[in-house]
Amino acid sequence: MKLKEDLAGPQSADLLDAFREARGEPLVVDASAVRKVDTPGLEICLSAARTWRSDGKTLRYENVPDILETAMESIGLKQEDIQAEGD
């Protein structure tokens, strides 16, 4: 799954829909396009990781840009917090 450039505000609803559609399968997320993210967008990523863990599936991010890393750090998250190890 490739993330869009904007994961903030109303656009975060699209992110939630994308995760819902991908549920139940191992997932690799390409975050290279992300240029804007806010706390609700990060909460969706965190919730997805918890869901994937609960389902026993892998959720992994690739090409995480600095802006996403910085946003996560600003609320006390690390990249591993939004990922899941599974089958």
Protein backbone atom coordinates (compact mmCIF):
# COMPACT_ATOMS: atom_id res chain seq x y z
CA MET A 1 0.00 0.00 0.00
CA LYS A 2 1.36 3.42 -0.89
CA LEU A 3 0.46 6.29 1.42
CA LYS A 4 -0.72 9.58 -0.02
CA GLU A 5 1.13 12.87 0.44
CA ASP A 6 -1.39 14.27 2.95
CA LEU A 7 -2.41 12.22 6.01
CA ALA A 8 -3.83 15.17 7.94
CA GLY A 9 -7.35 16.37 8.62
CA PRO A 10 -10.11 14.99 6.39
CA GLN A 11 -7.58 13.05 4.31
CA SER A 12 -6.93 10.76 7.25
CA ALA A 13 -10.34 9.17 6.55
CA ASP A 14 -8.90 7.81 3.28
CA LEU A 15 -6.05 6.27 5.28
CA LEU A 16 -8.52 4.56 7.60
CA ASP A 17 -10.44 3.17 4.62
CA ALA A 18 -7.24 1.86 3.02
CA PHE A 19 -6.27 0.00 6.20
CA ARG A 20 -9.79 -1.45 6.51
CA GLU A 21 -9.61 -2.77 2.95
CA ALA A 22 -6.21 -4.38 3.58
CA ARG A 23 -7.12 -6.01 6.90
CA GLY A 24 -6.43 -9.70 7.30
CA GLU A 25 -3.34 -9.83 5.11
CA PRO A 26 0.34 -9.04 5.73
CA LEU A 27 0.94 -5.47 4.59
CA VAL A 28 3.92 -3.42 3.48
CA VAL A 29 3.27 0.33 3.55
CA ASP A 30 5.32 2.65 1.35
CA ALA A 31 5.40 6.00 3.16
CA SER A 32 7.75 7.78 0.73
CA ALA A 33 5.11 10.24 -0.53
CA VAL A 34 4.06 11.54 2.92
CA ARG A 35 4.60 15.29 3.29
CA LYS A 36 1.93 16.17 5.85
CA VAL A 37 0.64 14.28 8.88
CA ASP A 38 -1.18 15.16 12.08
CA THR A 39 -2.06 13.35 15.29
CA PRO A 40 -5.27 11.74 13.95
CA GLY A 41 -3.27 10.34 11.02
CA LEU A 42 -0.72 8.88 13.42
CA GLU A 43 -3.50 7.47 15.60
CA ILE A 44 -4.85 5.61 12.56
CA CYS A 45 -1.39 4.13 11.91
CA LEU A 46 -1.09 3.11 15.57
CA SER A 47 -4.58 1.59 15.56
CA ALA A 48 -3.76 -0.36 12.39
CA ALA A 49 -0.64 -1.78 14.04
CA ARG A 50 -2.69 -2.93 17.02
CA THR A 51 -5.23 -4.51 14.68
CA TRP A 52 -2.54 -6.32 12.69
CA ARG A 53 -0.94 -7.57 15.93
CA SER A 54 -4.30 -8.80 17.16
CA ASP A 55 -4.83 -10.59 13.83
CA GLY A 56 -1.32 -12.11 13.97
CA LYS A 57 -0.32 -10.44 10.70
CA THR A 58 2.74 -8.41 9.70
CA LEU A 59 2.49 -4.67 9.08
CA ARG A 60 5.70 -3.00 7.97
CA TYR A 61 6.56 0.52 6.75
CA GLU A 62 9.18 1.31 4.13
CA ASN A 63 10.70 4.60 2.99
CA VAL A 64 9.56 6.54 6.05
CA PRO A 65 10.31 10.25 5.47
CA ASP A 66 11.76 12.52 8.15
CA ILE A 67 8.47 14.41 8.51
CA LEU A 68 6.69 11.22 9.56
CA GLU A 69 9.51 10.21 11.94
CA THR A 70 9.48 13.69 13.51
CA ALA A 71 5.70 13.66 13.92
CA MET A 72 5.86 10.26 15.63
CA GLU A 73 8.66 11.39 17.95
CA SER A 74 6.70 14.53 18.89
CA ILE A 75 3.99 12.37 20.47
CA GLY A 76 6.33 9.77 21.93
CA LEU A 77 6.08 7.10 19.23
CA LYS A 78 8.80 5.15 17.47
CA GLN A 79 8.53 3.50 14.08
CA GLU A 80 8.18 0.08 15.68
CA ASP A 81 5.04 1.31 17.49
CA ILE A 82 3.17 1.53 14.19
CA GLN A 83 4.40 -1.83 12.90
CA ALA A 84 3.43 -5.41 13.72
CA GLU A 85 5.19 -8.75 13.48
CA GLY A 86 3.05 -11.69 12.50
CA ASP A 87 3.00 -14.86 10.45
